[in-house]
Amino acid sequence: MGALLVKRVYFPGVYDIALAEAPPAENVSGERWYGIYMRGEKIGYTTTSTTPAGEGYLIAERSFMRLNTLGTLHEIKTRTTTYVDQGFALKSFDFHISSGLVDFRVQGKLQGRELHLNVITGGEENQSTLHMKDIPYLWTNLRPFIAASGLEEGKKYRTFLFDPSTLSSAEMIVEVVGSETLTVDGRATKAFKLRETFKGIVVNSWLDEEGEILREESPMGLLMVKEERGKAIAAAKTTVPPPDIMVSTSIPVRKKIEEPRGTSFLKVKLSGIDHKSFDITDQRQSLSGDVLEIKREALQGRTDYPLPYSDKKFKPYLSSTLLIQSDHPSITAAADKIVSEGSSAMEAAAKISNWVYNNLEKQYTFSIPSAVEVLKIKTGDCNEHTVLFTALARAAGIPTRISTGLVYHQGSFYYHAWADVYLGGWISVDPLMNQFPADATHLKLVEGGLDKQVQLVQTMGNLKIEVLEYK
């Protein structure tokens, strides 16, 4: 999922021009193709076409990627249709992602500063309205502004980006670094280099004088290059497996951890990242300088309580969301069936974790995890297990939050997700491994849903871990 979010969020073609300053776009119609590479191997392509539509334009984007996880190939397809006015301001969009097993679709319509969303997943529709602090852009509708505004070395732009794949928005800063000469299709081409910063992640892009993207590089080893159609779509025909994402993004360590699932204490040294950008310190993790200590929580002495929990301070951890639909009839019915009447919070959390562990097939899934859909297909990886557990626990009245970070396995730390439940204090629960509490090799970096989890991308290729002690 990290690779997909890099493509969707960190390759957006977004360059900020204040809407009031942008003249109507000219000469923007046409079709463009790009190859997507990971560590030198082609893994997919994307194409964008722009056509006049009424008093504005229709922008259609399609992407295809082949992703490899421990020898299993997954084909991911996305489609985005965006309607904009003559100045390329957003009017509406329709985003769809399919991975064969799972479909996710979100439609949006902008009215003033209100973005009206319709999320379709698991055969269900869920509506929501988001208030935008500023006029939002998608990655598809800002590229034409480049030609209209011109590129000046040292100039910076700000834009407010909405990403349908995470249902979140944030500010992006774009700086024109300077000009260089690139070779494109055998021809020397003048290009402007741009540095894009989004949630602490830096992506470099090169554009020609007309504002066309020629090349984009991300910190995860992903590369997007403008190509002819035939060369770009070659990824769909190749039989050569792409690089393994799980292995490529894992963090190997010199000191091996014997029997990691039984560890109660872990001491490691972290380097290569800004610790302040992450949610490292919590009930089980303490950071001193660059040394992190993790202690597995004890259940003894915890404050147990009858359900549901009623403290209003924990409302955010009991509420239903667009993807954690804890108030959906299928989720509440499942929770009632799993948790017997009169169960305490601790008993209920253990029962739900055990049920999710025993009823979900363990399979890597590239999609936007939705609790309702996971309950239907009963398949997924750590994200699907965690989202469904969180929805069921909240439905039972247990405050629950999502944690993401790393977990140790056979000589390396791999990116992973699990949950925390409140029992007078937060307790970690890993429904994929059926651990309650989770072992001490679970190293949390981020707390929250997909909109927060994309911050993990800035650690990929940068974070180094040295195991100092464990028991």
Protein backbone atom coordinates (compact mmCIF):
# COMPACT_ATOMS: atom_id res chain seq x y z
CA MET A 1 0.00 0.00 0.00
CA GLY A 2 2.95 2.29 0.64
CA ALA A 3 3.95 2.13 -3.03
CA LEU A 4 0.44 2.93 -4.15
CA LEU A 5 0.13 5.92 -1.84
CA VAL A 6 3.47 7.25 -3.06
CA LYS A 7 2.09 7.16 -6.60
CA ARG A 8 -1.22 8.74 -5.62
CA VAL A 9 0.03 11.32 -3.11
CA TYR A 10 3.67 12.01 -3.86
CA PHE A 11 3.46 11.91 -7.67
CA PRO A 12 0.46 14.22 -7.92
CA GLY A 13 1.67 16.75 -10.50
CA VAL A 14 0.74 19.46 -7.99
CA TYR A 15 2.19 22.97 -8.19
CA ASP A 16 0.52 25.77 -6.32
CA ILE A 17 -0.88 28.82 -8.01
CA ALA A 18 -3.45 30.85 -6.10
CA LEU A 19 -6.70 30.34 -7.98
CA ALA A 20 -7.36 34.07 -8.33
CA GLU A 21 -3.99 34.60 -10.03
CA ALA A 22 -4.27 31.79 -12.57
CA PRO A 23 -5.32 32.79 -16.10
CA PRO A 24 -7.46 30.42 -18.19
CA ALA A 25 -5.39 27.47 -19.40
CA GLU A 26 -4.45 27.14 -23.06
CA ASN A 27 -3.25 24.26 -25.24
CA VAL A 28 -3.70 21.65 -22.56
CA SER A 29 -5.65 18.99 -24.48
CA GLY A 30 -3.98 15.71 -25.31
CA GLU A 31 -2.77 12.40 -23.91
CA ARG A 32 0.41 11.69 -21.96
CA TRP A 33 2.04 8.39 -20.94
CA TYR A 34 4.51 7.59 -18.16
CA GLY A 35 6.36 4.48 -17.07
CA ILE A 36 6.61 3.70 -13.35
CA TYR A 37 9.81 2.06 -12.08
CA MET A 38 10.91 0.70 -8.72
CA ARG A 39 14.63 0.32 -8.10
CA GLY A 40 15.29 0.18 -11.84
CA GLU A 41 12.58 -2.36 -12.71
CA LYS A 42 9.37 -1.33 -14.47
CA ILE A 43 6.30 -1.99 -12.33
CA GLY A 44 3.60 -0.09 -14.20
CA TYR A 45 2.42 2.91 -16.14
CA THR A 46 0.02 5.83 -15.92
CA THR A 47 -1.71 7.86 -18.62
CA THR A 48 -3.57 11.16 -18.48
CA SER A 49 -5.85 12.68 -21.12
CA THR A 50 -7.40 16.15 -21.11
CA THR A 51 -10.40 17.06 -23.27
CA PRO A 52 -12.74 20.09 -23.41
CA ALA A 53 -16.06 19.48 -21.63
CA GLY A 54 -18.72 22.19 -21.50
CA GLU A 55 -17.24 25.30 -19.89
CA GLY A 56 -14.21 23.45 -18.63
CA TYR A 57 -12.24 20.24 -19.05
CA LEU A 58 -12.47 16.54 -18.34
CA ILE A 59 -9.21 14.99 -17.07
CA ALA A 60 -9.06 11.20 -17.14
CA GLU A 61 -6.18 9.33 -15.53
CA ARG A 62 -5.54 5.57 -15.54
CA SER A 63 -2.76 3.67 -13.77
CA PHE A 64 -1.61 0.06 -13.76
CA MET A 65 0.96 -1.46 -11.40
CA ARG A 66 2.31 -4.95 -10.77
CA LEU A 67 3.38 -5.29 -7.13
CA ASN A 68 5.28 -8.21 -5.65
CA THR A 69 4.97 -9.29 -2.01
CA LEU A 70 7.07 -12.29 -1.02
CA GLY A 71 6.62 -13.94 -4.42
CA THR A 72 2.92 -13.14 -4.88
CA LEU A 73 2.05 -10.76 -7.74
CA HIS A 74 -0.79 -8.25 -7.44
CA GLU A 75 -2.22 -6.16 -10.28
CA ILE A 76 -3.50 -2.77 -9.17
CA LYS A 77 -5.64 -0.60 -11.41
CA THR A 78 -6.83 2.93 -10.71
CA ARG A 79 -9.07 5.35 -12.59
CA THR A 80 -9.65 9.01 -11.82
CA THR A 81 -12.04 11.30 -13.67
CA THR A 82 -11.88 14.98 -12.75
CA TYR A 83 -14.12 17.79 -14.00
CA VAL A 84 -12.67 21.31 -13.78
CA ASP A 85 -13.60 24.80 -14.99
CA GLN A 86 -11.63 26.85 -17.55
CA GLY A 87 -9.14 27.87 -14.88
CA PHE A 88 -8.77 24.22 -13.85
CA ALA A 89 -10.45 24.71 -10.49
CA LEU A 90 -12.02 21.52 -9.15
CA LYS A 91 -15.73 20.89 -9.73
CA SER A 92 -16.05 17.13 -9.13
CA PHE A 93 -14.11 13.87 -9.27
CA ASP A 94 -14.57 10.09 -9.37
CA PHE A 95 -11.71 7.89 -8.07
CA HIS A 96 -11.69 4.07 -8.33
CA ILE A 97 -9.08 1.49 -7.32
CA SER A 98 -9.29 -2.24 -7.99
CA SER A 99 -6.91 -5.00 -6.93
CA GLY A 100 -8.94 -7.98 -8.14
CA LEU A 101 -10.07 -8.92 -4.66
CA VAL A 102 -11.20 -5.50 -3.48
CA ASP A 103 -12.81 -2.45 -5.09
CA PHE A 104 -12.83 1.03 -3.57
CA ARG A 105 -14.48 4.09 -5.07
CA VAL A 106 -14.99 7.65 -3.88
CA GLN A 107 -16.90 10.41 -5.66
CA GLY A 108 -16.62 14.05 -4.70
CA LYS A 109 -18.37 17.30 -5.59
CA LEU A 110 -17.14 20.72 -4.49
CA GLN A 111 -19.67 23.37 -3.51
CA GLY A 112 -18.00 26.48 -2.17
CA ARG A 113 -15.66 25.21 0.56
CA GLU A 114 -17.74 22.08 1.19
CA LEU A 115 -16.53 18.82 -0.38
CA HIS A 116 -19.38 16.32 -0.57
CA LEU A 117 -18.12 12.72 -0.65
CA ASN A 118 -19.76 9.42 -1.56
CA VAL A 119 -17.59 6.45 -0.57
CA ILE A 120 -18.47 3.10 -2.16
CA THR A 121 -16.88 -0.01 -0.66
CA GLY A 122 -18.12 -3.50 0.11
CA GLY A 123 -21.24 -2.78 -1.93
CA GLU A 124 -22.20 -0.03 0.50
CA GLU A 125 -22.41 3.74 0.02
CA ASN A 126 -21.49 6.19 2.77
CA GLN A 127 -21.86 9.96 2.43
CA SER A 128 -19.88 12.63 4.23
CA THR A 129 -19.16 16.33 3.90
CA LEU A 130 -15.74 17.82 4.60
CA HIS A 131 -15.14 21.52 5.19
CA MET A 132 -12.03 22.65 3.30
CA LYS A 133 -9.79 25.32 4.83
CA ASP A 134 -8.84 26.37 1.32
CA ILE A 135 -9.83 25.54 -2.25
CA PRO A 136 -8.63 21.93 -2.71
CA TYR A 137 -6.81 20.46 -5.68
CA LEU A 138 -6.35 16.91 -6.84
CA TRP A 139 -3.10 15.74 -8.43
CA THR A 140 -4.85 15.79 -11.82
CA ASN A 141 -5.97 19.40 -12.07
CA LEU A 142 -2.94 21.57 -11.23
CA ARG A 143 -0.48 20.61 -13.96
CA PRO A 144 -1.92 23.08 -16.51
CA PHE A 145 -1.20 25.97 -14.13
CA ILE A 146 2.54 25.54 -14.72
CA ALA A 147 2.45 26.79 -18.29
CA ALA A 148 0.05 29.57 -17.38
CA SER A 149 2.10 30.94 -14.50
CA GLY A 150 5.65 30.42 -15.72
CA LEU A 151 8.59 28.98 -13.81
CA GLU A 152 11.04 31.20 -11.97
CA GLU A 153 14.08 29.86 -10.17
CA GLY A 154 13.74 30.22 -6.39
CA LYS A 155 9.99 30.77 -6.51
CA LYS A 156 7.81 28.83 -4.07
CA TYR A 157 4.17 27.86 -4.33
CA ARG A 158 1.66 26.57 -1.82
CA THR A 159 -1.31 24.37 -2.58
CA PHE A 160 -3.97 22.56 -0.58
CA LEU A 161 -4.06 18.95 -1.79
CA PHE A 162 -6.95 16.51 -1.31
CA ASP A 163 -6.14 12.84 -1.83
CA PRO A 164 -9.13 10.50 -2.47
CA SER A 165 -7.12 7.37 -1.65
CA THR A 166 -6.69 8.48 1.97
CA LEU A 167 -9.71 10.82 2.20
CA SER A 168 -7.42 13.48 3.61
CA SER A 169 -5.98 16.87 2.76
CA ALA A 170 -2.81 18.74 3.61
CA GLU A 171 -0.61 21.59 2.47
CA MET A 172 2.07 21.03 -0.16
CA ILE A 173 5.00 23.38 -0.80
CA VAL A 174 6.63 23.45 -4.24
CA GLU A 175 9.95 25.20 -4.92
CA VAL A 176 11.49 25.83 -8.35
CA VAL A 177 15.10 24.78 -7.72
CA GLY A 178 16.56 25.63 -11.13
CA SER A 179 16.95 24.40 -14.71
CA GLU A 180 18.79 21.37 -16.08
CA THR A 181 19.12 19.45 -19.34
CA LEU A 182 17.50 16.02 -19.54
CA THR A 183 17.59 13.46 -22.31
CA VAL A 184 14.04 12.49 -23.26
CA ASP A 185 13.48 9.99 -26.09
CA GLY A 186 17.04 10.62 -27.24
CA ARG A 187 16.67 14.40 -27.35
CA ALA A 188 18.26 16.98 -25.05
CA THR A 189 15.45 18.90 -23.35
CA LYS A 190 15.59 21.90 -21.04
CA ALA A 191 13.85 21.08 -17.79
CA PHE A 192 12.98 22.91 -14.58
CA LYS A 193 13.64 20.98 -11.38
CA LEU A 194 10.98 21.27 -8.68
CA ARG A 195 11.18 20.17 -5.08
CA GLU A 196 7.81 19.17 -3.59
CA THR A 197 7.39 18.84 0.17
CA PHE A 198 4.31 17.10 1.58
CA LYS A 199 4.04 15.93 5.21
CA GLY A 200 7.81 16.01 5.55
CA ILE A 201 8.44 13.98 2.39
CA VAL A 202 10.43 15.46 -0.49
CA VAL A 203 9.82 14.48 -4.12
CA ASN A 204 11.85 15.89 -7.02
CA SER A 205 10.21 16.60 -10.39
CA TRP A 206 11.48 17.85 -13.76
CA LEU A 207 9.19 19.77 -16.14
CA ASP A 208 9.76 21.13 -19.62
CA GLU A 209 9.09 24.76 -20.54
CA GLU A 210 5.45 23.96 -21.40
CA GLY A 211 4.84 22.52 -17.94
CA GLU A 212 4.87 18.86 -19.00
CA ILE A 213 6.29 16.45 -16.41
CA LEU A 214 9.35 14.62 -17.75
CA ARG A 215 10.55 12.78 -14.64
CA GLU A 216 9.67 12.38 -10.96
CA GLU A 217 11.64 10.69 -8.18
CA SER A 218 10.43 9.68 -4.71
CA PRO A 219 12.42 8.71 -1.61
CA MET A 220 11.06 5.15 -1.78
CA GLY A 221 12.98 4.26 -4.93
CA LEU A 222 10.02 4.92 -7.23
CA LEU A 223 10.58 6.71 -10.53
CA MET A 224 8.06 8.03 -13.06
CA VAL A 225 9.33 8.83 -16.58
CA LYS A 226 7.54 10.27 -19.59
CA GLU A 227 7.51 7.66 -22.38
CA GLU A 228 5.85 6.74 -25.64
CA ARG A 229 2.66 4.72 -25.23
CA GLY A 230 4.16 1.42 -26.39
CA LYS A 231 7.11 1.62 -24.06
CA ALA A 232 4.99 2.75 -21.11
CA ILE A 233 2.50 -0.12 -21.30
CA ALA A 234 5.22 -2.75 -21.66
CA ALA A 235 4.91 -3.35 -17.92
CA ALA A 236 1.54 -4.99 -18.47
CA LYS A 237 3.09 -7.61 -20.76
CA THR A 238 6.35 -8.52 -19.04
CA THR A 239 6.70 -11.83 -17.19
CA VAL A 240 9.64 -10.63 -15.09
CA PRO A 241 8.49 -10.18 -11.47
CA PRO A 242 9.04 -6.67 -10.04
CA PRO A 243 11.15 -6.09 -6.91
CA ASP A 244 9.61 -7.43 -3.70
CA ILE A 245 8.06 -4.48 -1.87
CA MET A 246 8.17 -6.14 1.54
CA VAL A 247 11.87 -6.94 1.24
CA SER A 248 12.77 -3.62 -0.42
CA THR A 249 11.21 -1.56 2.36
CA SER A 250 12.29 -3.74 5.30
CA ILE A 251 15.04 -2.62 7.68
CA PRO A 252 17.65 -5.33 8.33
CA VAL A 253 19.50 -5.42 11.65
CA ARG A 254 22.80 -7.02 12.60
CA LYS A 255 21.77 -8.44 15.96
CA LYS A 256 19.16 -11.14 15.57
CA ILE A 257 16.26 -11.43 17.99
CA GLU A 258 15.58 -14.98 19.08
CA GLU A 259 11.89 -15.86 19.64
CA PRO A 260 10.65 -12.32 18.91
CA ARG A 261 6.99 -13.15 19.61
CA GLY A 262 7.90 -13.77 23.22
CA THR A 263 9.90 -10.59 23.86
CA SER A 264 8.85 -8.40 26.76
CA PHE A 265 11.59 -5.74 26.42
CA LEU A 266 13.47 -4.24 23.47
CA LYS A 267 16.11 -1.51 23.39
CA VAL A 268 17.13 -0.08 20.01
CA LYS A 269 18.98 2.89 18.56
CA LEU A 270 17.14 4.86 15.86
CA SER A 271 18.90 7.02 13.27
CA GLY A 272 18.17 8.64 9.93
CA ILE A 273 14.84 10.32 10.80
CA ASP A 274 13.55 13.31 12.74
CA HIS A 275 12.03 11.72 15.85
CA LYS A 276 9.81 14.76 16.45
CA SER A 277 7.85 14.03 13.27
CA PHE A 278 6.48 10.75 14.64
CA ASP A 279 4.34 9.40 17.49
CA ILE A 280 7.14 7.40 19.07
CA THR A 281 6.49 7.96 22.78
CA ASP A 282 3.44 6.21 24.22
CA GLN A 283 2.36 3.87 27.02
CA ARG A 284 4.91 1.21 26.02
CA GLN A 285 7.65 3.23 24.31
CA SER A 286 10.08 5.74 25.86
CA LEU A 287 12.68 7.69 23.89
CA SER A 288 15.88 9.16 25.29
CA GLY A 289 17.93 10.88 22.61
CA ASP A 290 18.05 8.32 19.84
CA VAL A 291 17.62 5.28 22.11
CA LEU A 292 14.15 3.75 22.27
CA GLU A 293 12.97 1.32 24.93
CA ILE A 294 9.82 -0.76 24.40
CA LYS A 295 8.16 -2.67 27.24
CA ARG A 296 5.34 -5.10 26.66
CA GLU A 297 2.39 -4.04 28.83
CA ALA A 298 1.09 -6.17 31.69
CA LEU A 299 -2.62 -6.94 31.89
CA GLN A 300 -2.53 -7.49 35.63
CA GLY A 301 -3.76 -4.51 37.60
CA ARG A 302 -5.49 -2.90 34.65
CA THR A 303 -8.79 -1.11 35.15
CA ASP A 304 -11.47 -3.33 33.66
CA TYR A 305 -15.00 -2.05 33.19
CA PRO A 306 -18.46 -3.04 31.90
CA LEU A 307 -19.36 -2.11 28.35
CA PRO A 308 -19.92 0.31 26.74
CA TYR A 309 -17.34 2.83 27.93
CA SER A 310 -19.02 6.21 28.38
CA ASP A 311 -16.27 8.79 29.04
CA LYS A 312 -16.86 11.58 26.49
CA LYS A 313 -13.10 12.28 26.28
CA PHE A 314 -12.76 9.03 24.34
CA LYS A 315 -15.48 9.78 21.78
CA PRO A 316 -13.00 9.93 18.85
CA TYR A 317 -11.90 6.38 19.70
CA LEU A 318 -15.49 5.12 19.79
CA SER A 319 -16.81 6.88 16.71
CA SER A 320 -17.62 5.47 13.30
CA THR A 321 -15.72 6.81 10.28
CA LEU A 322 -15.96 6.42 6.51
CA LEU A 323 -13.66 3.36 6.61
CA ILE A 324 -14.11 2.16 10.20
CA GLN A 325 -17.90 1.79 10.11
CA SER A 326 -18.45 0.76 13.71
CA ASP A 327 -22.14 1.75 13.59
CA HIS A 328 -22.93 -0.28 10.45
CA PRO A 329 -25.57 -3.00 11.07
CA SER A 330 -23.26 -5.79 9.87
CA ILE A 331 -20.47 -4.65 12.18
CA THR A 332 -22.69 -4.19 15.24
CA ALA A 333 -24.36 -7.57 14.61
CA ALA A 334 -20.95 -9.28 14.37
CA ALA A 335 -19.75 -7.56 17.56
CA ASP A 336 -22.87 -8.64 19.45
CA LYS A 337 -22.34 -12.22 18.28
CA ILE A 338 -18.65 -12.28 19.28
CA VAL A 339 -19.00 -10.50 22.63
CA SER A 340 -21.39 -12.22 24.99
CA GLU A 341 -23.68 -10.09 27.12
CA GLY A 342 -22.08 -9.01 30.37
CA SER A 343 -18.50 -9.32 29.08
CA SER A 344 -15.99 -6.88 30.50
CA ALA A 345 -13.84 -4.71 28.22
CA MET A 346 -10.78 -6.94 28.68
CA GLU A 347 -12.74 -10.10 27.93
CA ALA A 348 -14.37 -8.49 24.90
CA ALA A 349 -11.08 -7.24 23.44
CA ALA A 350 -9.55 -10.71 23.75
CA LYS A 351 -12.60 -12.36 22.15
CA ILE A 352 -12.64 -9.93 19.23
CA SER A 353 -8.92 -10.33 18.57
CA ASN A 354 -9.26 -14.11 18.67
CA TRP A 355 -12.27 -14.02 16.32
CA VAL A 356 -10.54 -11.77 13.77
CA TYR A 357 -7.42 -13.95 13.89
CA ASN A 358 -9.35 -17.17 13.35
CA ASN A 359 -11.82 -15.92 10.72
CA LEU A 360 -9.68 -13.86 8.35
CA GLU A 361 -7.49 -15.51 5.73
CA LYS A 362 -3.93 -14.20 5.94
CA GLN A 363 -3.19 -12.68 2.52
CA TYR A 364 -1.40 -9.50 1.35
CA THR A 365 -4.00 -7.10 0.00
CA PHE A 366 -3.41 -3.87 -1.90
CA SER A 367 -6.44 -1.71 -1.34
CA ILE A 368 -8.02 0.94 0.85
CA PRO A 369 -9.10 -1.13 3.90
CA SER A 370 -12.78 -0.81 4.84
CA ALA A 371 -14.19 -2.66 7.85
CA VAL A 372 -17.49 -3.49 6.13
CA GLU A 373 -15.74 -4.96 3.10
CA VAL A 374 -13.19 -6.88 5.19
CA LEU A 375 -16.05 -8.44 7.16
CA LYS A 376 -17.53 -9.64 3.84
CA ILE A 377 -14.42 -11.00 2.14
CA LYS A 378 -12.72 -12.14 5.38
CA THR A 379 -9.28 -11.77 3.81
CA GLY A 380 -6.39 -9.39 4.29
CA ASP A 381 -3.07 -8.46 5.84
CA CYS A 382 -2.31 -6.45 8.97
CA ASN A 383 -4.25 -3.41 7.74
CA GLU A 384 -7.45 -5.36 7.11
CA HIS A 385 -7.14 -7.24 10.42
CA THR A 386 -6.58 -4.01 12.31
CA VAL A 387 -9.38 -2.04 10.65
CA LEU A 388 -11.93 -4.79 11.27
CA PHE A 389 -10.77 -5.30 14.87
CA THR A 390 -11.01 -1.55 15.50
CA ALA A 391 -14.54 -1.35 14.08
CA LEU A 392 -15.74 -4.38 16.08
CA ALA A 393 -14.12 -3.15 19.30
CA ARG A 394 -15.65 0.30 18.95
CA ALA A 395 -19.02 -1.27 18.19
CA ALA A 396 -18.69 -3.20 21.46
CA GLY A 397 -17.98 0.06 23.30
CA ILE A 398 -14.20 -0.22 23.72
CA PRO A 399 -12.12 2.90 22.89
CA THR A 400 -9.73 1.75 20.15
CA ARG A 401 -7.07 3.43 18.03
CA ILE A 402 -4.73 2.30 15.23
CA SER A 403 -0.94 2.18 15.50
CA THR A 404 1.46 1.67 12.61
CA GLY A 405 5.18 1.20 12.50
CA LEU A 406 7.44 -1.85 12.37
CA VAL A 407 7.63 -5.39 13.67
CA TYR A 408 10.63 -7.72 13.76
CA HIS A 409 10.67 -10.89 11.65
CA GLN A 410 13.64 -13.10 10.68
CA GLY A 411 16.43 -10.53 10.87
CA SER A 412 14.57 -7.41 9.69
CA PHE A 413 11.90 -4.95 10.75
CA TYR A 414 8.87 -4.86 8.43
CA TYR A 415 6.15 -2.20 8.19
CA HIS A 416 3.10 -3.28 10.16
CA ALA A 417 -0.21 -2.15 11.70
CA TRP A 418 -1.99 -3.11 14.92
CA ALA A 419 -4.41 -1.57 17.45
CA ASP A 420 -4.55 -0.20 21.00
CA VAL A 421 -7.53 -0.60 23.34
CA TYR A 422 -8.20 1.48 26.44
CA LEU A 423 -8.30 -0.37 29.78
CA GLY A 424 -7.57 2.43 32.22
CA GLY A 425 -4.52 2.88 30.00
CA TRP A 426 -3.77 1.91 26.42
CA ILE A 427 -2.91 -1.74 25.70
CA SER A 428 -1.56 -2.95 22.35
CA VAL A 429 -3.44 -5.67 20.45
CA ASP A 430 -2.21 -7.38 17.27
CA PRO A 431 -5.16 -9.25 15.70
CA LEU A 432 -3.01 -10.56 12.83
CA MET A 433 -0.80 -12.40 15.33
CA ASN A 434 -3.54 -12.72 17.98
CA GLN A 435 -1.32 -11.05 20.59
CA PHE A 436 -2.89 -9.27 23.56
CA PRO A 437 -0.73 -7.41 24.46
CA ALA A 438 1.61 -7.32 21.45
CA ASP A 439 5.24 -8.34 21.86
CA ALA A 440 7.98 -5.75 22.40
CA THR A 441 9.28 -5.88 18.81
CA HIS A 442 6.24 -3.83 17.72
CA LEU A 443 7.79 -0.38 17.20
CA LYS A 444 5.15 2.33 16.75
CA LEU A 445 5.91 5.35 14.57
CA VAL A 446 2.47 6.75 13.71
CA GLU A 447 -0.93 6.78 15.40
CA GLY A 448 -4.07 7.06 13.27
CA GLY A 449 -5.61 6.04 9.95
CA LEU A 450 -4.41 6.20 6.34
CA ASP A 451 -4.12 9.97 6.39
CA LYS A 452 -1.48 9.60 9.12
CA GLN A 453 0.09 6.37 7.89
CA VAL A 454 1.40 7.90 4.67
CA GLN A 455 3.97 9.67 6.87
CA LEU A 456 5.74 6.32 7.11
CA VAL A 457 6.96 6.83 3.56
CA GLN A 458 9.50 9.39 4.74
CA THR A 459 11.19 6.69 6.85
CA MET A 460 11.62 4.28 3.93
CA GLY A 461 15.23 4.13 2.86
CA ASN A 462 16.21 6.52 5.68
CA LEU A 463 15.47 4.84 9.01
CA LYS A 464 18.23 2.68 10.51
CA ILE A 465 17.74 0.45 13.55
CA GLU A 466 20.40 -1.03 15.82
CA VAL A 467 19.26 -3.67 18.31
CA LEU A 468 21.01 -3.00 21.63
CA GLU A 469 19.22 -5.32 24.05
CA TYR A 470 16.16 -7.52 24.35
CA LYS A 471 14.61 -10.09 26.62
